[in-house]
Amino acid sequence: MALLVWNYVANQELKEIVRKIPLKIETSNPNLTIIGEPVKRLTVTFAVPERALKNFSESEITGVHRINLDHAVEKYTFRVSPSDIKRPKGSYRIKDIRPSEITVFIDELGTFQLPIRANLHGEPAQGYRVVTEEIRLDPEEIIMAGPIQKLSLLSQVLTEPIDVLGRTKSFRKKVLIRQYTDIRPTNDVEIEAFIPITEQFASRQFDEVPVHILGSPFEMILAEVEPAKINVKLTGPTRVLDILNISDLLFYVDVTGLKRGEYEIPYAFRLPQEVSIQSDLPLAKVKLGEVKIK
């Protein structure tokens, strides 16, 4: 009876405290590694005597589980035991651990030599483009270390983001390899990237462009031109062609000094800078006759 009373009083003095503590999972074999993101925190319930509460510090408590295997396994499950909880000595005890079981995937470590690709972000300014086939990286390959299963899925590795937003000129930049889960370069070598940027050129068709008659003929006569409207194909930078209107184009025939009669003469034209004619123009048929004055 006295023993039962003592146990009752002792239990009344214990307080349950629930804490989340960090968990570290290790492998004893240096050639093995844990794949993915296993559980990183445990929820542990402690039974702590009231008199020890003020000295109970969760910052000194961590979880460490060591896996003793000599080969890779697709799936490995272990129970988390109180012995995995590293804590200062004291009169408190562990009542519960959650999760109580953890499953991890264990693979062999290896190295692969992989090509590097520039990881471009954004777009150059309107009318400009990155010449992808002329991008240069030094070095062009790098040795990556990690789980063999994950390495085998990679055909290349990317650099850190290289911003080309709004660019109009080629540039050089030093970058590192982007971060991969469980995979990393064997050394933190800097990659020198050359990103070539060039202006885009295109062609654009303009139909029904009016032809003007300019100049002063030999005498006061009427001038007609055929065709009075033509179709032309122009080439130039896209930034210019995209905003070009027919009203910005001047095509004409010059009749200065011509007498009455019919002529075949080339069209003359004035175009915005950097724009040129891609299509061949026919000769203009010009007819000059007397002006009838009433």
Protein backbone atom coordinates (compact mmCIF):
# COMPACT_ATOMS: atom_id res chain seq x y z
CA MET A 1 0.00 0.00 0.00
CA ALA A 2 2.81 2.40 0.90
CA LEU A 3 4.51 1.60 -2.44
CA LEU A 4 1.35 2.44 -4.41
CA VAL A 5 1.02 5.78 -2.63
CA TRP A 6 4.65 6.61 -3.39
CA ASN A 7 4.22 5.80 -7.11
CA TYR A 8 1.11 7.98 -7.24
CA VAL A 9 2.89 10.94 -5.72
CA ALA A 10 5.93 10.44 -7.99
CA ASN A 11 3.75 10.40 -11.09
CA GLN A 12 1.97 13.55 -9.97
CA GLU A 13 5.32 15.33 -9.86
CA LEU A 14 6.13 14.56 -13.55
CA LYS A 15 5.11 17.00 -16.28
CA GLU A 16 4.79 16.01 -19.93
CA ILE A 17 6.62 18.35 -22.31
CA VAL A 18 6.39 17.95 -26.10
CA ARG A 19 9.29 19.26 -28.17
CA LYS A 20 10.32 19.13 -31.84
CA ILE A 21 14.00 18.26 -32.11
CA PRO A 22 16.33 18.00 -35.14
CA LEU A 23 17.19 14.55 -36.47
CA LYS A 24 20.38 13.66 -38.31
CA ILE A 25 20.59 10.36 -40.20
CA GLU A 26 24.08 9.10 -40.98
CA THR A 27 25.62 6.14 -42.79
CA SER A 28 28.68 4.42 -41.38
CA ASN A 29 29.85 3.50 -44.88
CA PRO A 30 31.43 6.56 -46.59
CA ASN A 31 30.52 5.11 -50.02
CA LEU A 32 26.80 5.21 -49.27
CA THR A 33 24.42 8.15 -49.09
CA ILE A 34 20.79 8.82 -48.24
CA ILE A 35 18.65 9.96 -51.18
CA GLY A 36 15.98 12.62 -50.97
CA GLU A 37 14.64 14.53 -48.00
CA PRO A 38 14.13 12.16 -45.05
CA VAL A 39 12.46 13.22 -41.82
CA LYS A 40 14.47 16.06 -40.31
CA ARG A 41 12.59 16.66 -37.07
CA LEU A 42 11.11 14.41 -34.40
CA THR A 43 8.24 15.14 -32.06
CA VAL A 44 9.34 13.84 -28.65
CA THR A 45 7.30 13.71 -25.44
CA PHE A 46 9.38 13.98 -22.27
CA ALA A 47 8.33 13.26 -18.70
CA VAL A 48 10.11 15.86 -16.59
CA PRO A 49 9.96 16.28 -12.78
CA GLU A 50 8.63 19.67 -11.79
CA ARG A 51 11.81 20.46 -9.90
CA ALA A 52 13.84 19.92 -13.13
CA LEU A 53 11.68 22.05 -15.41
CA LYS A 54 13.78 25.19 -15.07
CA ASN A 55 16.90 23.29 -16.15
CA PHE A 56 15.20 21.53 -19.10
CA SER A 57 16.65 23.00 -22.31
CA GLU A 58 15.57 21.67 -25.68
CA SER A 59 18.50 23.40 -27.39
CA GLU A 60 20.78 20.72 -25.96
CA ILE A 61 18.68 17.86 -27.34
CA THR A 62 19.25 16.35 -30.81
CA GLY A 63 18.42 13.13 -32.58
CA VAL A 64 21.13 11.07 -34.32
CA HIS A 65 20.59 7.69 -35.99
CA ARG A 66 23.48 5.82 -37.58
CA ILE A 67 22.79 3.25 -40.31
CA ASN A 68 25.29 0.38 -40.47
CA LEU A 69 25.07 -1.07 -43.97
CA ASP A 70 27.76 -2.12 -46.45
CA HIS A 71 25.62 -1.96 -49.61
CA ALA A 72 22.90 0.14 -51.24
CA VAL A 73 19.25 -0.72 -50.62
CA GLU A 74 16.19 0.68 -52.33
CA LYS A 75 14.25 0.94 -49.08
CA TYR A 76 15.49 0.83 -45.49
CA THR A 77 13.20 1.21 -42.48
CA PHE A 78 14.38 1.69 -38.90
CA ARG A 79 12.76 2.39 -35.56
CA VAL A 80 13.70 5.54 -33.69
CA SER A 81 14.65 4.56 -30.15
CA PRO A 82 15.31 6.65 -27.03
CA SER A 83 19.01 5.86 -27.49
CA ASP A 84 18.89 7.96 -30.71
CA ILE A 85 17.99 11.03 -28.64
CA LYS A 86 21.14 12.74 -27.39
CA ARG A 87 20.36 14.78 -24.31
CA PRO A 88 22.02 16.01 -21.11
CA LYS A 89 21.90 13.72 -18.12
CA GLY A 90 18.90 14.24 -15.91
CA SER A 91 16.00 12.56 -14.15
CA TYR A 92 13.55 13.03 -17.04
CA ARG A 93 12.65 10.25 -19.43
CA ILE A 94 11.23 9.84 -22.96
CA LYS A 95 7.61 8.69 -23.16
CA ASP A 96 6.94 8.89 -26.89
CA ILE A 97 8.67 9.56 -30.23
CA ARG A 98 6.90 10.45 -33.47
CA PRO A 99 7.39 9.24 -36.09
CA SER A 100 8.42 5.98 -34.50
CA GLU A 101 9.58 4.47 -37.82
CA ILE A 102 11.39 6.15 -40.71
CA THR A 103 12.01 4.84 -44.23
CA VAL A 104 14.96 6.06 -46.29
CA PHE A 105 16.51 5.22 -49.65
CA ILE A 106 20.21 4.45 -49.70
CA ASP A 107 22.38 4.50 -52.81
CA GLU A 108 26.06 4.21 -53.68
CA LEU A 109 28.05 7.39 -54.24
CA GLY A 110 29.68 7.93 -57.63
CA THR A 111 30.98 10.56 -60.03
CA PHE A 112 29.89 11.42 -63.56
CA GLN A 113 31.47 13.83 -66.04
CA LEU A 114 28.67 15.89 -67.57
CA PRO A 115 28.39 18.73 -70.10
CA ILE A 116 27.41 22.18 -68.82
CA ARG A 117 24.58 24.25 -70.31
CA ALA A 118 24.01 27.97 -69.77
CA ASN A 119 20.83 28.61 -67.76
CA LEU A 120 19.45 31.77 -69.39
CA HIS A 121 16.71 33.81 -67.74
CA GLY A 122 14.62 36.51 -69.38
CA GLU A 123 14.63 37.80 -72.95
CA PRO A 124 16.90 40.36 -74.67
CA ALA A 125 15.51 43.72 -75.73
CA GLN A 126 12.91 43.73 -78.51
CA GLY A 127 14.56 43.07 -81.85
CA TYR A 128 17.52 41.21 -80.34
CA ARG A 129 18.19 37.53 -79.70
CA VAL A 130 20.73 35.25 -78.06
CA VAL A 131 22.76 33.32 -80.63
CA THR A 132 22.36 30.01 -78.78
CA GLU A 133 24.65 28.00 -81.04
CA GLU A 134 27.52 30.43 -80.35
CA ILE A 135 27.34 30.40 -76.52
CA ARG A 136 30.73 29.48 -75.07
CA LEU A 137 31.42 28.00 -71.62
CA ASP A 138 34.83 27.40 -70.06
CA PRO A 139 35.05 24.66 -68.91
CA GLU A 140 32.44 22.88 -71.03
CA GLU A 141 32.21 19.82 -68.72
CA ILE A 142 32.35 19.20 -64.99
CA ILE A 143 32.57 16.19 -62.66
CA MET A 144 29.50 15.80 -60.45
CA ALA A 145 29.34 13.59 -57.35
CA GLY A 146 26.25 12.07 -55.77
CA PRO A 147 23.99 9.03 -55.71
CA ILE A 148 24.55 6.93 -58.83
CA GLN A 149 20.81 6.53 -59.33
CA LYS A 150 20.33 10.31 -59.55
CA LEU A 151 23.46 10.95 -61.58
CA SER A 152 22.31 8.45 -64.21
CA LEU A 153 19.20 10.56 -64.83
CA LEU A 154 21.25 13.63 -65.83
CA SER A 155 22.41 14.27 -69.38
CA GLN A 156 23.77 17.73 -68.52
CA VAL A 157 23.98 20.24 -65.67
CA LEU A 158 22.87 23.87 -65.65
CA THR A 159 24.72 26.95 -64.50
CA GLU A 160 23.29 29.42 -62.04
CA PRO A 161 20.75 31.72 -63.74
CA ILE A 162 22.31 34.10 -66.27
CA ASP A 163 20.10 37.17 -66.74
CA VAL A 164 19.76 38.38 -70.36
CA LEU A 165 16.67 40.56 -69.74
CA GLY A 166 16.76 43.71 -71.89
CA ARG A 167 20.28 43.06 -73.18
CA THR A 168 21.39 44.44 -76.56
CA LYS A 169 25.08 43.46 -76.51
CA SER A 170 27.11 40.30 -76.03
CA PHE A 171 28.66 39.86 -72.58
CA ARG A 172 30.80 37.61 -70.38
CA LYS A 173 29.99 36.44 -66.86
CA LYS A 174 31.48 34.06 -64.29
CA VAL A 175 28.96 31.68 -62.71
CA LEU A 176 28.80 28.48 -60.66
CA ILE A 177 26.81 25.31 -61.21
CA ARG A 178 23.23 25.60 -59.93
CA GLN A 179 22.34 23.68 -56.78
CA TYR A 180 21.00 20.14 -57.14
CA THR A 181 19.49 18.00 -54.39
CA ASP A 182 22.03 15.37 -53.26
CA ILE A 183 24.35 16.16 -56.22
CA ARG A 184 27.23 18.62 -56.28
CA PRO A 185 30.43 19.39 -58.23
CA THR A 186 33.62 17.80 -56.94
CA ASN A 187 35.03 21.35 -56.77
CA ASP A 188 33.51 24.83 -56.85
CA VAL A 189 35.04 25.84 -60.17
CA GLU A 190 33.81 29.08 -61.76
CA ILE A 191 32.48 28.81 -65.30
CA GLU A 192 33.24 31.69 -67.64
CA ALA A 193 30.22 32.16 -69.88
CA PHE A 194 30.18 34.14 -73.13
CA ILE A 195 26.63 35.03 -74.20
CA PRO A 196 26.44 36.39 -77.77
CA ILE A 197 23.54 38.73 -78.52
CA THR A 198 22.75 40.02 -81.97
CA GLU A 199 20.12 42.16 -83.60
CA GLN A 200 17.30 40.33 -85.35
CA PHE A 201 16.69 40.99 -89.04
CA ALA A 202 13.54 40.09 -90.93
CA SER A 203 11.57 40.75 -94.09
CA ARG A 204 8.15 42.36 -94.41
CA GLN A 205 5.80 42.73 -97.34
CA PHE A 206 4.14 46.08 -98.06
CA ASP A 207 1.31 46.03 -100.60
CA GLU A 208 -0.38 48.86 -102.47
CA VAL A 209 2.39 51.38 -101.84
CA PRO A 210 1.50 54.58 -103.78
CA VAL A 211 3.92 55.89 -106.42
CA HIS A 212 4.36 59.65 -106.63
CA ILE A 213 5.37 61.74 -109.62
CA LEU A 214 8.06 64.27 -108.79
CA GLY A 215 10.07 66.80 -110.76
CA SER A 216 9.23 69.30 -113.51
CA PRO A 217 8.85 68.07 -117.08
CA PHE A 218 10.17 70.06 -120.07
CA GLU A 219 6.84 71.75 -120.59
CA MET A 220 3.46 72.06 -118.91
CA ILE A 221 2.17 68.57 -119.54
CA LEU A 222 0.21 65.87 -117.72
CA ALA A 223 2.15 62.91 -116.28
CA GLU A 224 0.77 59.46 -115.58
CA VAL A 225 2.56 56.45 -114.13
CA GLU A 226 1.62 52.78 -114.33
CA PRO A 227 1.32 50.97 -112.01
CA ALA A 228 0.36 53.75 -109.63
CA LYS A 229 0.75 51.41 -106.66
CA ILE A 230 3.35 48.68 -106.17
CA ASN A 231 4.07 45.77 -103.83
CA VAL A 232 7.51 45.73 -102.21
CA LYS A 233 9.36 43.46 -99.82
CA LEU A 234 11.65 45.23 -97.38
CA THR A 235 14.33 43.84 -95.08
CA GLY A 236 15.91 45.31 -91.96
CA PRO A 237 16.04 45.13 -88.15
CA THR A 238 12.80 43.85 -86.63
CA ARG A 239 12.74 46.81 -84.22
CA VAL A 240 12.41 49.08 -87.28
CA LEU A 241 10.16 46.91 -89.47
CA ASP A 242 7.69 46.26 -86.64
CA ILE A 243 6.75 49.94 -86.41
CA LEU A 244 7.07 50.82 -90.10
CA ASN A 245 3.99 52.11 -91.93
CA ILE A 246 3.32 52.67 -95.64
CA SER A 247 3.25 56.40 -94.93
CA ASP A 248 6.94 56.13 -93.94
CA LEU A 249 7.85 54.95 -97.47
CA LEU A 250 8.39 57.17 -100.50
CA PHE A 251 8.42 55.60 -103.98
CA TYR A 252 8.36 57.91 -107.00
CA VAL A 253 9.33 58.54 -110.58
CA ASP A 254 11.30 61.63 -111.54
CA VAL A 255 10.05 63.30 -114.73
CA THR A 256 12.38 66.27 -114.57
CA GLY A 257 13.18 67.51 -118.12
CA LEU A 258 11.11 64.87 -119.92
CA LYS A 259 9.10 65.80 -123.02
CA ARG A 260 5.82 64.42 -124.23
CA GLY A 261 5.85 60.71 -124.83
CA GLU A 262 6.00 57.31 -123.14
CA TYR A 263 8.92 56.15 -121.07
CA GLU A 264 10.06 53.16 -119.01
CA ILE A 265 12.09 54.41 -116.09
CA PRO A 266 13.18 52.89 -112.79
CA TYR A 267 11.35 53.70 -109.58
CA ALA A 268 13.23 55.89 -107.14
CA PHE A 269 12.66 55.58 -103.41
CA ARG A 270 13.56 56.90 -99.99
CA LEU A 271 13.49 54.45 -97.07
CA PRO A 272 14.22 54.70 -93.34
CA GLN A 273 17.79 54.07 -92.29
CA GLU A 274 18.80 50.39 -92.00
CA VAL A 275 15.95 49.31 -94.31
CA SER A 276 16.53 48.03 -97.84
CA ILE A 277 14.50 46.54 -100.70
CA GLN A 278 14.59 42.76 -100.97
CA SER A 279 12.33 42.36 -104.03
CA ASP A 280 13.13 43.40 -107.59
CA LEU A 281 11.08 46.32 -108.89
CA PRO A 282 9.79 46.50 -112.47
CA LEU A 283 10.31 49.57 -114.60
CA ALA A 284 7.65 52.24 -114.30
CA LYS A 285 5.69 53.12 -117.42
CA VAL A 286 5.37 56.92 -117.61
CA LYS A 287 3.18 58.77 -120.09
CA LEU A 288 3.52 62.52 -120.59
CA GLY A 289 0.90 64.54 -122.47
CA GLU A 290 -0.30 68.10 -122.85
CA VAL A 291 -2.28 69.75 -120.08
CA LYS A 292 -5.58 71.10 -121.30
CA ILE A 293 -6.18 74.57 -119.85
CA LYS A 294 -9.73 75.83 -120.00
